[in-house]
N, C-alpha and C. Protein backbone atom coordinates (compact mmCIF):
# COMPACT_ATOMS: atom_id res chain seq x y z
N MET A 1 -7.37 -22.26 8.72
CA MET A 1 -8.76 -21.64 7.67
C MET A 1 -8.08 -20.99 6.52
N SER A 2 -8.65 -21.27 5.47
CA SER A 2 -8.01 -20.81 4.16
C SER A 2 -9.25 -19.05 4.41
N SER A 3 -8.64 -17.82 3.31
CA SER A 3 -9.28 -16.70 3.50
C SER A 3 -9.72 -16.93 2.06
N ILE A 4 -11.34 -16.44 2.63
CA ILE A 4 -12.67 -16.31 1.55
C ILE A 4 -11.65 -15.29 0.30
N PRO A 5 -12.17 -15.97 -1.31
CA PRO A 5 -11.28 -14.63 -2.02
C PRO A 5 -12.39 -14.20 -2.56
N LYS A 6 -11.65 -12.67 -3.21
CA LYS A 6 -11.97 -11.27 -3.07
C LYS A 6 -12.71 -11.64 -4.57
N MET A 7 -14.11 -11.86 -4.79
CA MET A 7 -14.40 -11.73 -6.23
C MET A 7 -15.15 -10.85 -6.66
N ARG A 8 -14.80 -10.85 -7.69
CA ARG A 8 -15.32 -8.99 -8.11
C ARG A 8 -15.75 -8.79 -9.74
N THR A 9 -16.83 -8.35 -9.76
CA THR A 9 -16.80 -8.13 -11.32
C THR A 9 -16.33 -7.62 -12.31
N VAL A 10 -16.35 -7.79 -13.82
CA VAL A 10 -15.61 -6.91 -14.48
C VAL A 10 -15.87 -5.32 -14.03
N ALA A 11 -16.82 -5.25 -14.01
CA ALA A 11 -16.86 -3.63 -13.97
C ALA A 11 -16.37 -2.91 -12.72
N GLN A 12 -16.86 -3.51 -11.68
CA GLN A 12 -16.59 -3.49 -10.34
C GLN A 12 -14.60 -2.96 -10.03
N ILE A 13 -14.23 -4.12 -10.89
CA ILE A 13 -12.51 -3.82 -11.13
C ILE A 13 -11.98 -2.74 -11.76
N ARG A 14 -13.27 -2.61 -13.16
CA ARG A 14 -12.73 -0.92 -13.15
C ARG A 14 -12.90 0.29 -12.59
N GLN A 15 -14.46 -0.11 -12.00
CA GLN A 15 -14.49 0.67 -10.96
C GLN A 15 -13.64 1.32 -9.76
N ILE A 16 -12.40 0.02 -9.24
CA ILE A 16 -11.37 0.64 -8.55
C ILE A 16 -10.41 1.11 -9.11
N PHE A 17 -10.00 0.45 -9.85
CA PHE A 17 -8.96 1.02 -11.00
C PHE A 17 -9.18 2.47 -11.08
N ALA A 18 -10.49 2.74 -11.77
CA ALA A 18 -10.94 4.23 -12.21
C ALA A 18 -10.57 5.50 -11.03
N GLU A 19 -10.79 5.23 -9.65
CA GLU A 19 -11.17 5.63 -7.88
C GLU A 19 -9.32 5.31 -7.56
N ASN A 20 -8.30 4.88 -8.19
CA ASN A 20 -7.07 4.75 -7.97
C ASN A 20 -6.25 5.23 -9.35
N GLY A 21 -6.70 5.50 -10.36
CA GLY A 21 -6.45 6.01 -11.40
C GLY A 21 -4.73 5.47 -11.60
N GLU A 22 -4.47 4.36 -11.05
CA GLU A 22 -3.01 3.70 -11.10
C GLU A 22 -2.86 2.91 -12.66
N VAL A 23 -4.00 2.28 -12.56
CA VAL A 23 -4.14 1.44 -13.87
C VAL A 23 -5.13 1.32 -15.12
N CYS A 24 -4.86 1.06 -15.91
CA CYS A 24 -5.75 1.24 -17.14
C CYS A 24 -5.80 -0.06 -18.32
N ILE A 25 -6.87 -0.66 -17.44
CA ILE A 25 -6.65 -1.83 -18.23
C ILE A 25 -8.53 -2.22 -18.99
N SER A 26 -8.53 -2.71 -19.93
CA SER A 26 -10.11 -2.38 -20.09
C SER A 26 -11.51 -3.69 -20.19
N GLU A 27 -12.16 -3.51 -20.02
CA GLU A 27 -13.27 -4.71 -19.60
C GLU A 27 -13.00 -5.66 -20.71
N ARG A 28 -12.69 -5.45 -21.86
CA ARG A 28 -12.39 -6.54 -22.90
C ARG A 28 -10.46 -7.29 -22.52
N GLU A 29 -9.94 -6.91 -22.10
CA GLU A 29 -8.93 -6.85 -21.63
C GLU A 29 -9.24 -8.15 -20.48
N LEU A 30 -9.89 -7.72 -19.50
CA LEU A 30 -10.52 -8.49 -18.28
C LEU A 30 -11.12 -9.71 -18.99
N ARG A 31 -11.45 -9.58 -19.71
CA ARG A 31 -12.29 -10.68 -20.09
C ARG A 31 -11.71 -11.58 -20.97
N ARG A 32 -10.59 -10.86 -21.26
CA ARG A 32 -9.54 -12.04 -22.07
C ARG A 32 -8.99 -12.91 -21.68
N LEU A 33 -8.30 -12.18 -20.58
CA LEU A 33 -7.33 -12.45 -19.32
C LEU A 33 -7.92 -13.93 -18.92
N ALA A 34 -9.13 -13.78 -18.08
CA ALA A 34 -9.88 -14.53 -17.35
C ALA A 34 -10.51 -15.66 -18.40
N LYS A 35 -10.43 -15.14 -20.40
CA LYS A 35 -11.11 -17.15 -20.67
C LYS A 35 -9.66 -17.66 -21.08
N SER A 36 -8.79 -16.59 -20.99
CA SER A 36 -7.53 -17.56 -20.87
C SER A 36 -6.78 -18.44 -20.21
N GLY A 37 -7.76 -18.34 -19.06
CA GLY A 37 -7.00 -18.66 -17.77
C GLY A 37 -5.78 -17.91 -17.02
N ALA A 38 -5.48 -17.00 -17.83
CA ALA A 38 -4.24 -16.17 -17.14
C ALA A 38 -4.69 -15.58 -15.72
N ILE A 39 -6.01 -15.45 -15.55
CA ILE A 39 -6.03 -14.97 -14.29
C ILE A 39 -7.18 -15.32 -13.43
N PRO A 40 -7.27 -15.69 -12.59
CA PRO A 40 -7.81 -16.79 -11.89
C PRO A 40 -9.58 -16.24 -12.33
N SER A 41 -11.20 -16.99 -12.65
CA SER A 41 -12.17 -16.51 -12.32
C SER A 41 -13.44 -17.57 -12.57
N ILE A 42 -14.70 -16.89 -11.92
CA ILE A 42 -15.73 -18.21 -12.25
C ILE A 42 -16.61 -17.15 -13.07
N THR A 43 -17.62 -18.28 -13.35
CA THR A 43 -18.86 -17.85 -14.50
C THR A 43 -20.10 -17.82 -13.36
N ALA A 44 -20.57 -17.43 -13.29
CA ALA A 44 -21.96 -17.79 -11.67
C ALA A 44 -23.20 -17.10 -12.64
N GLY A 45 -23.84 -17.98 -13.23
CA GLY A 45 -24.86 -17.02 -14.15
C GLY A 45 -24.41 -16.38 -15.10
N THR A 46 -24.47 -15.59 -15.39
CA THR A 46 -24.31 -14.79 -16.61
C THR A 46 -23.09 -13.24 -16.26
N ARG A 47 -22.60 -13.46 -15.14
CA ARG A 47 -21.47 -12.68 -14.19
C ARG A 47 -20.37 -13.86 -14.68
N LEU A 48 -19.43 -12.38 -15.06
CA LEU A 48 -17.84 -13.25 -14.84
C LEU A 48 -17.37 -12.62 -13.55
N LEU A 49 -16.71 -13.71 -12.70
CA LEU A 49 -16.31 -12.93 -11.54
C LEU A 49 -14.61 -13.08 -11.43
N ILE A 50 -14.22 -12.01 -11.51
CA ILE A 50 -12.59 -12.59 -11.21
C ILE A 50 -12.22 -12.49 -9.45
N ASN A 51 -11.66 -13.30 -9.64
CA ASN A 51 -10.51 -13.18 -8.13
C ASN A 51 -9.46 -12.06 -8.10
N PHE A 52 -9.61 -10.91 -7.46
CA PHE A 52 -9.44 -9.76 -7.35
C PHE A 52 -7.67 -10.05 -6.97
N ASP A 53 -7.54 -10.37 -6.20
CA ASP A 53 -5.84 -10.51 -5.72
C ASP A 53 -5.04 -11.42 -6.50
N GLY A 54 -5.58 -12.41 -7.53
CA GLY A 54 -5.30 -13.27 -8.66
C GLY A 54 -4.70 -12.42 -9.89
N LEU A 55 -5.72 -11.28 -9.93
CA LEU A 55 -5.61 -10.02 -11.26
C LEU A 55 -4.07 -9.76 -10.57
N ILE A 56 -3.96 -8.94 -9.86
CA ILE A 56 -3.14 -7.72 -9.11
C ILE A 56 -1.87 -9.16 -9.23
N ASN A 57 -1.92 -10.19 -8.47
CA ASN A 57 -0.36 -11.12 -8.70
C ASN A 57 -0.09 -10.82 -10.11
N TYR A 58 -0.93 -10.88 -11.23
CA TYR A 58 -0.62 -11.23 -12.12
C TYR A 58 -0.32 -9.58 -12.83
N LEU A 59 -1.01 -9.07 -12.59
CA LEU A 59 -0.42 -7.42 -13.02
C LEU A 59 1.08 -7.18 -12.33
N ASN A 60 1.07 -7.58 -11.41
CA ASN A 60 2.29 -7.74 -11.01
C ASN A 60 4.03 -8.57 -11.32
N SER A 61 2.90 -9.58 -11.55
CA SER A 61 4.50 -10.56 -12.22
C SER A 61 4.60 -10.46 -13.85
N ASN A 62 3.78 -10.09 -14.62
CA ASN A 62 3.89 -9.52 -16.07
C ASN A 62 3.95 -8.19 -16.72
N ARG A 63 4.90 -7.72 -16.06
CA ARG A 63 5.61 -6.19 -16.27
C ARG A 63 5.82 -6.49 -18.03
N LEU A 64 5.48 -5.33 -18.25
CA LEU A 64 5.97 -5.54 -20.04
C LEU A 64 8.21 -5.06 -19.97
N GLN A 65 8.43 -6.26 -20.30
CA GLN A 65 9.63 -6.45 -21.29
C GLN A 65 10.16 -5.17 -22.10
N ARG A 66 10.54 -5.11 -22.18
CA ARG A 66 11.68 -3.50 -23.00
C ARG A 66 12.87 -3.85 -23.26
């Protein structure tokens, strides 16, 4: 049995990150990542829904290289 994806709106993701105080990512950047296909997302009507687990995987695997 496959698990149900945790789809969240951009505003919900920003709220989750704000509550944890660990990740600072703008709504614009979230939308850009979704549009480019870097993170899994869908559009439902006028809302952009982002797969939260996919976003976390992206953030964990794409650390800044210095």
